[in-house]
């Protein structure tokens, strides 16, 4: 489980500390950031760092992940050596830490030069400023391109995934079925399998969103059958519907991590409880079908 910090800019220091402490109490020690979160560069990182002011001992107990590569002010992506290094330096200052545990390249850059990425990664690793590296929303071939120069393992790929937004799982089940929308390849081809083969952890973002920032599916009247199944399983396992939505992702043998975007402490606890549940195969597929996905 990963606690996402994208929505904290308007929270008070006390509220951020409550969110952090709730996550820690629920067994979550991984916190996700990006340089663009908060509406201005490094705002969420600054709010997190200022509110917590982690001691060296406490900093060593948690994982902090951040991302770089999106340049909103110019409407572009930038994986150049200079941009990556500069953004990491600014993130470290904002977070009030000497290092980040994981750095992700934030979405693909069409103009990427793998050698520049490799130079930045090598320098940041050698300086002890970044301990591991990954990507977000990358296809298998985009990762392979990076690996032509990058020598560090790509440890994570952050991808959108929920019960209802699951093309990376649903498409392979309908492969080669002519005329069926579900059979369309949207992930470059087999991204889940590619990540499993190469030891890359999938980090599932927007785990409760119905689609691409189109609202949640939980208690959504557009998904009556799905919510009926979720409610029944939640009662059976003694958790909330949020817990079942989490359990559907963590049940997958790829051992995915769920990135929570909520700033509600109770929902963090509810999601964490779901991660302890192992749905049966029949239950997992029942949720899959109830979400509207086809089993040929």
Protein backbone atom coordinates (compact mmCIF):
# COMPACT_ATOMS: atom_id res chain seq x y z
CA UNK A 1 0.00 0.00 0.00
CA UNK A 2 1.21 3.50 -0.87
CA UNK A 3 -0.21 6.75 0.50
CA UNK A 4 -0.47 9.27 -2.33
CA UNK A 5 0.13 12.90 -1.38
CA UNK A 6 -1.33 14.61 -4.45
CA UNK A 7 -4.28 16.19 -2.64
CA UNK A 8 -2.64 17.71 0.45
CA UNK A 9 -1.86 21.32 -0.62
CA UNK A 10 -4.91 22.78 1.13
CA UNK A 11 -4.51 20.69 4.27
CA UNK A 12 -3.17 22.16 7.50
CA UNK A 13 0.02 20.88 9.07
CA UNK A 14 -2.10 19.10 11.68
CA UNK A 15 -4.22 17.41 9.01
CA UNK A 16 -1.13 16.27 7.11
CA UNK A 17 0.34 14.84 10.29
CA UNK A 18 -2.93 13.04 11.02
CA UNK A 19 -2.94 11.57 7.52
CA UNK A 20 0.68 10.47 7.90
CA UNK A 21 0.13 8.97 11.36
CA UNK A 22 -2.99 7.14 10.24
CA UNK A 23 -1.09 5.61 7.35
CA UNK A 24 1.75 4.54 9.61
CA UNK A 25 -0.71 3.08 12.10
CA UNK A 26 -2.34 1.08 9.31
CA UNK A 27 1.04 -0.37 8.33
CA UNK A 28 1.68 1.94 5.36
CA UNK A 29 5.24 3.31 5.27
CA UNK A 30 5.39 4.34 1.58
CA UNK A 31 4.49 7.91 0.52
CA UNK A 32 4.09 8.99 -3.11
CA UNK A 33 4.79 12.49 -4.47
CA UNK A 34 5.49 14.24 -7.78
CA UNK A 35 7.09 17.59 -8.49
CA UNK A 36 3.91 18.82 -10.20
CA UNK A 37 1.45 17.90 -7.43
CA UNK A 38 -0.35 20.82 -5.85
CA UNK A 39 -0.89 23.16 -8.77
CA UNK A 40 2.60 24.65 -8.63
CA UNK A 41 5.95 22.94 -8.76
CA UNK A 42 6.91 21.10 -5.55
CA UNK A 43 3.97 22.46 -3.51
CA UNK A 44 2.80 19.11 -2.11
CA UNK A 45 6.38 18.11 -1.37
CA UNK A 46 6.87 21.39 0.50
CA UNK A 47 3.68 20.93 2.52
CA UNK A 48 4.68 17.36 3.43
CA UNK A 49 8.22 18.31 4.42
CA UNK A 50 7.18 21.35 6.45
CA UNK A 51 4.35 19.57 8.26
CA UNK A 52 6.34 16.49 9.26
CA UNK A 53 9.97 17.60 9.59
CA UNK A 54 11.01 13.97 9.94
CA UNK A 55 13.95 13.16 12.14
CA UNK A 56 16.75 11.09 10.64
CA UNK A 57 15.53 8.03 12.53
CA UNK A 58 11.93 8.42 11.39
CA UNK A 59 13.00 9.21 7.82
CA UNK A 60 14.80 5.86 7.75
CA UNK A 61 11.55 4.09 8.66
CA UNK A 62 9.60 5.28 5.60
CA UNK A 63 9.84 5.21 1.83
CA UNK A 64 9.42 8.46 -0.07
CA UNK A 65 8.87 8.36 -3.80
CA UNK A 66 8.65 11.30 -6.18
CA UNK A 67 8.37 11.84 -9.91
CA UNK A 68 9.65 14.27 -12.52
CA UNK A 69 9.42 14.87 -16.23
CA UNK A 70 6.16 16.79 -16.73
CA UNK A 71 6.55 20.53 -17.36
CA UNK A 72 3.02 22.00 -17.09
CA UNK A 73 4.09 25.62 -17.66
CA UNK A 74 5.39 24.73 -21.12
CA UNK A 75 2.99 21.93 -21.98
CA UNK A 76 5.68 19.32 -22.50
CA UNK A 77 7.65 16.42 -21.08
CA UNK A 78 11.37 16.66 -20.36
CA UNK A 79 13.60 13.67 -19.59
CA UNK A 80 16.81 15.59 -20.25
CA UNK A 81 19.75 15.18 -17.91
CA UNK A 82 19.53 18.80 -16.73
CA UNK A 83 15.82 18.67 -16.01
CA UNK A 84 15.91 15.39 -14.09
CA UNK A 85 18.82 16.47 -11.88
CA UNK A 86 17.38 19.93 -11.24
CA UNK A 87 13.95 18.59 -10.31
CA UNK A 88 15.39 16.03 -7.90
CA UNK A 89 17.47 18.71 -6.19
CA UNK A 90 14.37 20.89 -5.81
CA UNK A 91 12.32 17.93 -4.55
CA UNK A 92 14.91 17.14 -1.88
CA UNK A 93 14.80 20.71 -0.65
CA UNK A 94 11.02 20.74 -0.60
CA UNK A 95 10.75 17.40 1.19
CA UNK A 96 13.49 18.39 3.66
CA UNK A 97 15.37 15.14 3.09
CA UNK A 98 18.78 14.13 1.75
CA UNK A 99 17.45 11.40 -0.52
CA UNK A 100 14.35 9.87 -2.06
CA UNK A 101 13.90 6.13 -2.00
CA UNK A 102 12.38 5.92 -5.49
CA UNK A 103 12.36 8.34 -8.43
CA UNK A 104 9.86 7.73 -11.23
CA UNK A 105 9.92 9.24 -14.71
CA UNK A 106 6.45 10.80 -14.89
CA UNK A 107 4.76 9.56 -18.10
CA UNK A 108 6.77 8.94 -21.29
CA UNK A 109 8.74 11.65 -23.07
CA UNK A 110 8.54 11.21 -26.86
CA UNK A 111 11.89 13.01 -27.20
CA UNK A 112 13.69 10.89 -24.60
CA UNK A 113 17.39 10.21 -25.07
CA UNK A 114 18.17 7.12 -22.95
CA UNK A 115 21.80 8.18 -22.57
CA UNK A 116 20.74 11.43 -20.89
CA UNK A 117 18.44 9.58 -18.51
CA UNK A 118 21.27 7.16 -17.72
CA UNK A 119 23.68 10.00 -16.99
CA UNK A 120 21.20 11.60 -14.60
CA UNK A 121 20.42 8.31 -12.87
CA UNK A 122 24.10 7.46 -12.46
CA UNK A 123 24.89 10.87 -10.97
CA UNK A 124 21.92 10.86 -8.59
CA UNK A 125 22.64 7.31 -7.44
CA UNK A 126 26.36 7.96 -6.92
CA UNK A 127 25.55 11.05 -4.85
CA UNK A 128 23.15 9.05 -2.67
CA UNK A 129 20.25 11.30 -3.64
CA UNK A 130 18.12 8.56 -5.24
CA UNK A 131 18.18 4.93 -4.17
CA UNK A 132 15.98 3.30 -6.84
CA UNK A 133 14.42 4.25 -10.16
CA UNK A 134 11.22 3.55 -12.03
CA UNK A 135 8.68 4.92 -14.49
CA UNK A 136 4.99 5.69 -14.77
CA UNK A 137 2.56 4.91 -17.57
CA UNK A 138 5.27 3.33 -19.72
CA UNK A 139 4.81 0.56 -22.28
CA UNK A 140 7.12 -2.46 -22.49
CA UNK A 141 8.99 -1.05 -25.47
CA UNK A 142 9.43 2.36 -23.83
CA UNK A 143 11.02 0.62 -20.84
CA UNK A 144 13.21 -1.46 -23.15
CA UNK A 145 14.37 1.72 -24.86
CA UNK A 146 15.44 3.21 -21.51
CA UNK A 147 17.24 -0.02 -20.66
CA UNK A 148 19.50 0.33 -23.71
CA UNK A 149 21.44 2.88 -21.62
CA UNK A 150 20.09 2.86 -18.07
CA UNK A 151 21.96 0.31 -15.97
CA UNK A 152 19.85 0.54 -12.78
CA UNK A 153 16.88 -1.82 -12.45
CA UNK A 154 13.51 -0.30 -13.26
CA UNK A 155 11.77 -1.21 -10.02
CA UNK A 156 8.26 0.17 -10.60
CA UNK A 157 5.78 1.23 -13.26
CA UNK A 158 2.86 3.32 -12.01
CA UNK A 159 -0.24 2.52 -14.09
CA UNK A 160 -3.92 3.39 -13.78
CA UNK A 161 -5.91 0.39 -12.56
CA UNK A 162 -9.24 -0.21 -10.84
CA UNK A 163 -11.92 -2.88 -11.12
CA UNK A 164 -13.72 -0.81 -13.75
CA UNK A 165 -10.65 0.71 -15.43
CA UNK A 166 -8.67 -2.45 -16.12
CA UNK A 167 -7.63 -2.65 -19.79
CA UNK A 168 -4.18 -3.90 -18.80
CA UNK A 169 -5.89 -6.98 -17.34
CA UNK A 170 -9.06 -7.25 -19.43
CA UNK A 171 -7.46 -6.93 -22.88
CA UNK A 172 -5.32 -10.07 -22.77
CA UNK A 173 -8.40 -12.11 -21.81
CA UNK A 174 -10.08 -10.98 -25.03
CA UNK A 175 -7.02 -11.05 -27.28
CA UNK A 176 -7.58 -11.66 -30.98
CA UNK A 177 -11.37 -11.26 -30.76
CA UNK A 178 -12.30 -9.29 -33.86
CA UNK A 179 -14.76 -6.44 -33.43
CA UNK A 180 -14.60 -6.44 -29.63
CA UNK A 181 -13.52 -3.17 -27.99
CA UNK A 182 -11.98 -5.02 -25.04
CA UNK A 183 -9.50 -6.73 -27.37
CA UNK A 184 -7.88 -3.39 -28.33
CA UNK A 185 -4.28 -3.08 -27.14
CA UNK A 186 -3.85 0.14 -25.14
CA UNK A 187 -0.75 -0.68 -23.09
CA UNK A 188 1.80 -1.44 -25.78
CA UNK A 189 1.07 -5.13 -25.44
CA UNK A 190 1.24 -7.26 -22.30
CA UNK A 191 2.47 -4.68 -19.79
CA UNK A 192 1.34 -6.72 -16.77
CA UNK A 193 3.12 -9.83 -18.02
CA UNK A 194 6.18 -7.77 -19.01
CA UNK A 195 6.43 -6.30 -15.53
CA UNK A 196 6.08 -9.73 -13.90
CA UNK A 197 8.79 -11.20 -16.14
CA UNK A 198 11.19 -8.33 -15.43
CA UNK A 199 10.57 -7.92 -11.70
CA UNK A 200 8.91 -4.50 -12.07
CA UNK A 201 6.28 -3.70 -9.44
CA UNK A 202 3.06 -2.25 -10.84
CA UNK A 203 1.79 0.64 -8.73
CA UNK A 204 -1.95 0.99 -9.33
CA UNK A 205 -3.09 4.62 -9.29
CA UNK A 206 -6.74 5.78 -9.15
CA UNK A 207 -7.77 2.40 -7.67
CA UNK A 208 -11.34 3.58 -7.01
CA UNK A 209 -11.90 5.70 -10.15
CA UNK A 210 -14.46 4.44 -12.65
CA UNK A 211 -12.39 5.76 -15.55
CA UNK A 212 -9.91 8.50 -16.28
CA UNK A 213 -10.79 10.90 -13.44
CA UNK A 214 -14.50 10.37 -14.16
CA UNK A 215 -15.58 9.75 -10.56
CA UNK A 216 -15.49 6.71 -8.31
CA UNK A 217 -17.40 3.51 -9.00
CA UNK A 218 -18.17 2.84 -5.33
CA UNK A 219 -21.84 3.67 -4.61
CA UNK A 220 -22.12 4.90 -8.20
CA UNK A 221 -25.62 4.18 -9.63
CA UNK A 222 -24.03 3.50 -13.01
CA UNK A 223 -22.53 0.30 -11.54
CA UNK A 224 -25.41 -1.35 -9.64
CA UNK A 225 -24.36 -4.96 -10.21
CA UNK A 226 -20.76 -4.29 -9.25
CA UNK A 227 -21.71 -2.45 -6.07
CA UNK A 228 -24.11 -5.23 -5.11
CA UNK A 229 -21.29 -7.76 -5.35
CA UNK A 230 -18.87 -5.46 -3.51
CA UNK A 231 -21.38 -4.91 -0.69
CA UNK A 232 -21.98 -8.65 -0.30
CA UNK A 233 -18.27 -9.44 -0.18
CA UNK A 234 -17.59 -6.54 2.19
CA UNK A 235 -20.17 -7.91 4.63
CA UNK A 236 -18.72 -11.41 4.26
CA UNK A 237 -15.16 -10.29 5.01
CA UNK A 238 -16.07 -7.67 7.61
CA UNK A 239 -14.55 -4.75 5.70
CA UNK A 240 -15.87 -1.73 3.82
CA UNK A 241 -16.46 -1.57 0.04
CA UNK A 242 -13.18 0.36 -0.18
CA UNK A 243 -11.47 -2.69 1.27
CA UNK A 244 -12.93 -4.98 -1.38
CA UNK A 245 -11.91 -2.61 -4.17
CA UNK A 246 -8.38 -2.70 -2.77
CA UNK A 247 -8.40 -6.47 -2.32
CA UNK A 248 -9.29 -6.98 -6.00
CA UNK A 249 -6.00 -5.36 -6.99
CA UNK A 250 -3.79 -6.89 -4.29
CA UNK A 251 -5.18 -10.38 -5.06
CA UNK A 252 -3.46 -10.32 -8.46
CA UNK A 253 -0.33 -12.51 -8.48
CA UNK A 254 1.74 -9.62 -9.90
CA UNK A 255 1.88 -8.39 -6.27
CA UNK A 256 0.86 -4.86 -7.22
CA UNK A 257 0.98 -1.89 -4.88
CA UNK A 258 -2.13 0.28 -4.49
CA UNK A 259 -1.58 4.05 -4.55
CA UNK A 260 -4.24 5.72 -2.40
CA UNK A 261 -5.15 9.26 -3.40
CA UNK A 262 -7.48 9.91 -0.48
CA UNK A 263 -6.86 12.49 2.25
CA UNK A 264 -9.52 10.94 4.49
CA UNK A 265 -7.83 9.00 7.32
CA UNK A 266 -10.72 6.54 7.68
CA UNK A 267 -10.52 5.60 4.03
CA UNK A 268 -6.82 4.86 4.40
CA UNK A 269 -7.63 2.47 7.23
CA UNK A 270 -10.43 0.90 5.19
CA UNK A 271 -8.16 0.35 2.19
CA UNK A 272 -5.36 -1.08 4.31
CA UNK A 273 -7.78 -3.60 5.83
CA UNK A 274 -8.67 -4.76 2.34
CA UNK A 275 -5.04 -5.45 1.50
CA UNK A 276 -5.05 -8.18 4.15
CA UNK A 277 -7.84 -10.06 2.37
CA UNK A 278 -7.15 -12.71 -0.26
CA UNK A 279 -10.21 -13.02 -2.45
CA UNK A 280 -10.93 -16.44 -3.87
CA UNK A 281 -10.50 -16.95 -7.59
CA UNK A 282 -14.30 -17.14 -7.98
CA UNK A 283 -14.79 -13.87 -6.06
CA UNK A 284 -12.12 -12.06 -8.07
CA UNK A 285 -13.67 -13.11 -11.37
CA UNK A 286 -17.19 -12.29 -10.15
CA UNK A 287 -16.06 -8.71 -9.49
CA UNK A 288 -14.38 -8.63 -12.90
CA UNK A 289 -17.58 -9.71 -14.67
CA UNK A 290 -19.79 -7.42 -12.59
CA UNK A 291 -17.64 -4.46 -13.67
CA UNK A 292 -18.69 -5.16 -17.25
CA UNK A 293 -15.61 -6.96 -18.54
CA UNK A 294 -16.09 -9.90 -20.89
CA UNK A 295 -14.93 -13.43 -20.24
CA UNK A 296 -14.91 -15.12 -23.66
